[in-house]
């Protein structure tokens, strides 16, 4: 049973922002309402976001992608343009909960939940996405890599709303993908999530991003492992060494879904697999030129 709460229905963005300091934003509610029912969240006043105009939209201008704050996981999955503009995010959307959850859950809500097992966050980190925050006083943009401050904590102020996320789509010289390891294929919480972006120019890796989920208090980028790959020709040995470095950067826990040792092992194996696949696909493109 849910405790009693007040529900505010502001008519537009400005009304919403005016009410935010004294309430909790409610969009899909697939995390918030579950946490309220389980007494993990004590929100007493919810601010409904469903009346904000143009709040559920995906825009692609050249190589720049923008997702508005009310866009659902299902919206992402149905937008065929994102297969090229955000391959890893599509990978995550396919394995995100069940169909009813995907149709309700918003990308911004998943980002704001701060769960280390949030499925969309590793892809967004691998895409080098930015978080757009808006308050009555103005707007600001933060790299998602700097958004989280701790377990389920982030830099959104009480009077701010995440109004969107944006990034530059991977180019032809980049490969981007995500893999979710879970105990079953659907409706399962992530055991380990790995997203990678590898960029190749002149036969060398010019940029690498490795984002890891469910193996630390927050989703994070394995920057020491990334540094090992950048500027190098990616041999099997180097990729394996970088994957081991990524494993060493984690701090997983034992829980009902997996042991910490299993999670570390999975990070090594999945990082090695995804980086290898990315490198091989890019090498194939180079060979075809």
Protein backbone atom coordinates (compact mmCIF):
# COMPACT_ATOMS: atom_id res chain seq x y z
CA UNK A 1 0.00 0.00 0.00
CA UNK A 2 1.14 3.51 -0.79
CA UNK A 3 1.09 6.14 1.88
CA UNK A 4 -1.10 9.15 1.25
CA UNK A 5 0.50 11.84 -0.91
CA UNK A 6 -0.49 15.06 -2.65
CA UNK A 7 -0.46 15.14 -6.45
CA UNK A 8 0.05 18.47 -8.18
CA UNK A 9 -0.91 18.87 -11.86
CA UNK A 10 0.89 21.99 -13.18
CA UNK A 11 -0.18 23.07 -16.64
CA UNK A 12 3.18 23.91 -18.19
CA UNK A 13 6.93 23.99 -17.62
CA UNK A 14 6.98 27.28 -15.70
CA UNK A 15 4.29 26.12 -13.28
CA UNK A 16 6.17 22.87 -12.84
CA UNK A 17 9.45 24.61 -12.04
CA UNK A 18 7.72 26.91 -9.55
CA UNK A 19 6.39 23.90 -7.63
CA UNK A 20 9.51 21.71 -7.79
CA UNK A 21 11.31 22.94 -4.64
CA UNK A 22 8.45 21.58 -2.53
CA UNK A 23 7.80 18.34 -4.36
CA UNK A 24 9.17 15.33 -6.22
CA UNK A 25 8.94 15.10 -10.03
CA UNK A 26 6.74 12.28 -11.34
CA UNK A 27 6.92 11.12 -14.95
CA UNK A 28 6.78 7.36 -15.60
CA UNK A 29 6.93 6.47 -11.92
CA UNK A 30 8.38 3.02 -12.57
CA UNK A 31 11.09 3.61 -9.96
CA UNK A 32 9.51 6.27 -7.74
CA UNK A 33 6.16 4.59 -7.05
CA UNK A 34 7.79 1.21 -6.43
CA UNK A 35 10.17 2.79 -3.94
CA UNK A 36 7.30 4.63 -2.25
CA UNK A 37 5.35 1.41 -1.87
CA UNK A 38 8.42 -0.31 -0.42
CA UNK A 39 8.97 2.62 2.00
CA UNK A 40 12.37 3.35 0.47
CA UNK A 41 11.08 6.76 -0.68
CA UNK A 42 9.07 9.10 1.55
CA UNK A 43 7.81 11.61 -1.02
CA UNK A 44 4.63 13.29 0.22
CA UNK A 45 4.03 15.70 -2.67
CA UNK A 46 4.42 14.64 -6.30
CA UNK A 47 4.65 17.03 -9.25
CA UNK A 48 3.18 15.49 -12.42
CA UNK A 49 5.23 16.28 -15.55
CA UNK A 50 2.75 15.03 -18.11
CA UNK A 51 1.34 18.45 -19.01
CA UNK A 52 4.64 19.98 -20.13
CA UNK A 53 4.41 20.81 -23.83
CA UNK A 54 6.87 19.06 -26.20
CA UNK A 55 8.43 17.21 -23.27
CA UNK A 56 8.35 13.84 -25.06
CA UNK A 57 10.41 14.11 -28.21
CA UNK A 58 13.58 12.96 -29.97
CA UNK A 59 15.40 15.45 -32.19
CA UNK A 60 18.32 14.76 -34.53
CA UNK A 61 19.99 17.73 -36.21
CA UNK A 62 22.91 16.54 -38.30
CA UNK A 63 24.97 14.47 -35.89
CA UNK A 64 23.52 16.10 -32.76
CA UNK A 65 20.93 14.07 -30.85
CA UNK A 66 18.56 15.46 -28.21
CA UNK A 67 16.08 13.51 -26.11
CA UNK A 68 13.51 15.49 -24.14
CA UNK A 69 12.93 14.68 -20.49
CA UNK A 70 9.58 12.92 -20.90
CA UNK A 71 10.76 10.54 -23.64
CA UNK A 72 10.17 6.91 -22.71
CA UNK A 73 12.38 3.89 -23.25
CA UNK A 74 9.73 2.62 -25.65
CA UNK A 75 9.94 5.85 -27.65
CA UNK A 76 13.68 5.33 -28.01
CA UNK A 77 13.26 1.74 -29.10
CA UNK A 78 10.71 2.68 -31.76
CA UNK A 79 12.80 5.50 -33.28
CA UNK A 80 14.67 3.88 -36.17
CA UNK A 81 17.07 6.84 -36.47
CA UNK A 82 18.67 5.91 -33.15
CA UNK A 83 20.01 2.64 -34.53
CA UNK A 84 22.85 4.76 -35.98
CA UNK A 85 22.71 7.73 -33.62
CA UNK A 86 22.82 5.69 -30.39
CA UNK A 87 23.44 1.95 -30.96
CA UNK A 88 24.26 1.24 -27.32
CA UNK A 89 21.10 2.99 -26.11
CA UNK A 90 19.02 0.83 -28.45
CA UNK A 91 20.84 -2.24 -27.08
CA UNK A 92 19.83 -1.16 -23.56
CA UNK A 93 16.24 -0.30 -24.49
CA UNK A 94 15.70 -3.81 -25.88
CA UNK A 95 16.49 -5.41 -22.50
CA UNK A 96 14.95 -2.73 -20.27
CA UNK A 97 12.24 -4.31 -18.09
CA UNK A 98 9.13 -5.53 -19.90
CA UNK A 99 7.02 -3.92 -22.58
CA UNK A 100 4.68 -2.12 -20.16
CA UNK A 101 7.62 -0.74 -18.19
CA UNK A 102 9.38 0.44 -21.35
CA UNK A 103 6.24 2.27 -22.44
CA UNK A 104 6.07 4.17 -19.15
CA UNK A 105 9.66 4.62 -17.92
CA UNK A 106 11.48 7.75 -19.09
CA UNK A 107 15.16 7.96 -19.99
CA UNK A 108 15.56 11.01 -17.74
CA UNK A 109 13.91 9.18 -14.87
CA UNK A 110 16.28 6.25 -15.24
CA UNK A 111 19.20 8.67 -15.22
CA UNK A 112 17.90 10.51 -12.14
CA UNK A 113 17.21 7.33 -10.18
CA UNK A 114 20.95 7.01 -9.70
CA UNK A 115 20.85 3.24 -9.48
CA UNK A 116 24.23 1.64 -10.25
CA UNK A 117 22.24 -0.93 -12.25
CA UNK A 118 20.37 1.66 -14.38
CA UNK A 119 20.37 0.21 -17.89
CA UNK A 120 20.44 3.44 -19.92
CA UNK A 121 23.29 5.13 -18.04
CA UNK A 122 26.27 3.07 -19.32
CA UNK A 123 25.21 3.71 -22.94
CA UNK A 124 24.79 7.43 -22.25
CA UNK A 125 28.23 7.54 -20.63
CA UNK A 126 29.73 5.71 -23.60
CA UNK A 127 28.11 8.30 -25.90
CA UNK A 128 29.58 11.15 -23.81
CA UNK A 129 26.08 12.53 -23.24
CA UNK A 130 25.19 15.76 -21.48
CA UNK A 131 22.40 16.33 -18.95
CA UNK A 132 20.24 19.45 -19.39
CA UNK A 133 18.97 20.89 -16.10
CA UNK A 134 16.37 23.66 -15.91
CA UNK A 135 15.08 25.73 -13.00
CA UNK A 136 12.99 28.89 -12.76
CA UNK A 137 16.28 30.81 -12.55
CA UNK A 138 17.76 29.37 -15.75
CA UNK A 139 19.42 26.36 -17.33
CA UNK A 140 22.73 24.55 -17.14
CA UNK A 141 24.34 21.58 -18.85
CA UNK A 142 26.51 18.94 -17.18
CA UNK A 143 28.44 16.05 -18.71
CA UNK A 144 26.75 12.88 -17.49
CA UNK A 145 30.20 11.73 -16.38
CA UNK A 146 30.08 14.48 -13.73
CA UNK A 147 26.39 14.12 -12.84
CA UNK A 148 26.65 11.47 -10.12
CA UNK A 149 28.12 12.24 -6.71
CA UNK A 150 27.48 8.93 -4.92
CA UNK A 151 25.03 6.06 -4.52
CA UNK A 152 21.67 7.38 -5.78
CA UNK A 153 22.98 10.93 -5.46
CA UNK A 154 23.44 13.45 -8.25
CA UNK A 155 23.88 17.14 -8.94
CA UNK A 156 20.24 17.94 -9.68
CA UNK A 157 19.12 20.63 -7.22
CA UNK A 158 15.63 20.40 -5.67
CA UNK A 159 14.39 23.24 -7.87
CA UNK A 160 15.77 21.71 -11.10
CA UNK A 161 14.25 19.37 -13.65
CA UNK A 162 16.17 17.20 -16.10
CA UNK A 163 14.62 18.54 -19.30
CA UNK A 164 16.76 16.54 -21.70
CA UNK A 165 19.89 14.66 -22.68
CA UNK A 166 22.06 15.23 -25.73
CA UNK A 167 25.14 13.87 -27.47
CA UNK A 168 26.90 13.74 -30.82
CA UNK A 169 26.12 10.57 -32.74
CA UNK A 170 29.04 8.17 -33.30
CA UNK A 171 30.64 8.67 -36.70
CA UNK A 172 31.57 6.08 -39.29
CA UNK A 173 34.96 5.64 -37.63
CA UNK A 174 33.34 4.71 -34.28
CA UNK A 175 31.67 1.57 -32.94
CA UNK A 176 29.31 1.76 -29.98
CA UNK A 177 27.53 -1.08 -28.14
CA UNK A 178 26.13 -2.26 -24.79
CA UNK A 179 25.67 -5.64 -23.14
CA UNK A 180 23.52 -6.41 -20.13
CA UNK A 181 24.32 -9.52 -18.11
CA UNK A 182 21.36 -10.61 -16.00
CA UNK A 183 19.86 -13.80 -14.61
CA UNK A 184 17.25 -13.90 -17.36
CA UNK A 185 16.61 -12.06 -20.61
CA UNK A 186 13.65 -9.91 -19.55
CA UNK A 187 12.38 -8.13 -16.43
CA UNK A 188 15.69 -8.63 -14.67
CA UNK A 189 17.96 -6.29 -12.74
CA UNK A 190 21.43 -5.95 -14.24
CA UNK A 191 24.23 -8.08 -12.79
CA UNK A 192 26.85 -6.31 -14.92
CA UNK A 193 26.35 -3.74 -17.66
CA UNK A 194 29.13 -2.74 -20.07
CA UNK A 195 28.98 -0.10 -22.81
CA UNK A 196 31.89 0.82 -25.06
CA UNK A 197 32.71 3.30 -27.79
CA UNK A 198 35.86 2.79 -29.82
CA UNK A 199 37.03 5.25 -32.50
CA UNK A 200 39.64 4.23 -35.06
CA UNK A 201 41.61 6.48 -37.38
CA UNK A 202 44.77 5.62 -39.29
CA UNK A 203 44.79 2.09 -37.92
CA UNK A 204 44.91 3.24 -34.29
CA UNK A 205 42.39 3.72 -31.53
CA UNK A 206 42.01 7.48 -31.18
CA UNK A 207 39.33 7.39 -28.49
CA UNK A 208 37.89 4.77 -26.14
CA UNK A 209 35.07 4.97 -23.62
CA UNK A 210 34.24 2.07 -21.32
CA UNK A 211 31.22 2.50 -19.03
CA UNK A 212 30.43 -0.03 -16.31
CA UNK A 213 27.18 -0.59 -14.42
CA UNK A 214 26.26 -2.56 -11.28
CA UNK A 215 29.88 -2.90 -10.15
CA UNK A 216 30.33 0.26 -8.02
CA UNK A 217 28.14 2.72 -6.07
CA UNK A 218 27.48 4.55 -9.35
CA UNK A 219 27.77 3.78 -13.03
CA UNK A 220 31.21 5.03 -14.06
CA UNK A 221 33.81 5.11 -16.80
CA UNK A 222 36.91 2.95 -16.49
CA UNK A 223 39.26 5.75 -17.42
CA UNK A 224 42.52 3.96 -16.68
CA UNK A 225 41.50 1.18 -19.05
CA UNK A 226 40.42 3.75 -21.65
CA UNK A 227 43.84 5.42 -21.44
CA UNK A 228 45.58 2.12 -22.15
CA UNK A 229 43.73 1.82 -25.47
CA UNK A 230 43.88 5.40 -26.71
CA UNK A 231 46.56 6.05 -29.32
CA UNK A 232 47.36 2.36 -29.77
CA UNK A 233 46.90 -0.42 -32.28
CA UNK A 234 44.56 -2.76 -30.42
CA UNK A 235 46.09 -6.20 -30.24
CA UNK A 236 44.40 -9.08 -28.44
CA UNK A 237 46.98 -8.78 -25.67
CA UNK A 238 46.44 -5.07 -25.17
CA UNK A 239 42.66 -5.44 -25.17
CA UNK A 240 42.89 -8.16 -22.54
CA UNK A 241 45.20 -6.02 -20.39
CA UNK A 242 42.80 -3.08 -20.64
CA UNK A 243 39.86 -5.32 -19.75
CA UNK A 244 41.74 -6.49 -16.67
CA UNK A 245 42.45 -2.88 -15.78
CA UNK A 246 38.73 -2.12 -16.10
CA UNK A 247 38.05 -5.03 -13.76
CA UNK A 248 40.50 -3.61 -11.23
CA UNK A 249 38.71 -0.23 -11.27
CA UNK A 250 35.45 -1.77 -10.06
CA UNK A 251 34.18 -2.15 -6.49
CA UNK A 252 31.29 -4.63 -6.71
CA UNK A 253 29.31 -6.16 -3.87
CA UNK A 254 27.94 -9.61 -3.13
CA UNK A 255 24.16 -9.75 -3.37
CA UNK A 256 21.34 -12.13 -4.23
CA UNK A 257 22.06 -11.82 -7.96
CA UNK A 258 25.82 -12.45 -8.03
CA UNK A 259 29.01 -12.44 -6.02
CA UNK A 260 31.55 -9.64 -6.24
CA UNK A 261 34.09 -12.07 -7.73
CA UNK A 262 31.66 -13.11 -10.45
CA UNK A 263 30.95 -9.48 -11.29
CA UNK A 264 34.67 -8.70 -11.58
CA UNK A 265 35.15 -11.71 -13.84
CA UNK A 266 32.19 -10.63 -15.98
CA UNK A 267 33.62 -7.10 -16.36
CA UNK A 268 36.87 -8.58 -17.66
CA UNK A 269 35.15 -10.92 -20.10
CA UNK A 270 32.52 -8.48 -21.38
CA UNK A 271 34.89 -5.54 -21.75
CA UNK A 272 37.31 -7.71 -23.70
CA UNK A 273 34.48 -9.01 -25.89
CA UNK A 274 32.89 -5.65 -26.69
CA UNK A 275 36.18 -3.84 -27.35
CA UNK A 276 37.34 -6.71 -29.56
CA UNK A 277 34.08 -6.68 -31.51
CA UNK A 278 34.26 -2.92 -31.92
CA UNK A 279 37.87 -3.03 -33.11
CA UNK A 280 37.19 -5.85 -35.56
CA UNK A 281 34.19 -4.06 -37.04
CA UNK A 282 36.22 -0.88 -37.53
CA UNK A 283 39.14 -2.82 -39.03
CA UNK A 284 36.67 -4.34 -41.49
CA UNK A 285 35.49 -0.87 -42.50
CA UNK A 286 39.10 0.24 -43.04
CA UNK A 287 39.78 -2.83 -45.19
CA UNK A 288 36.77 -1.99 -47.35
CA UNK A 289 37.92 1.54 -48.17
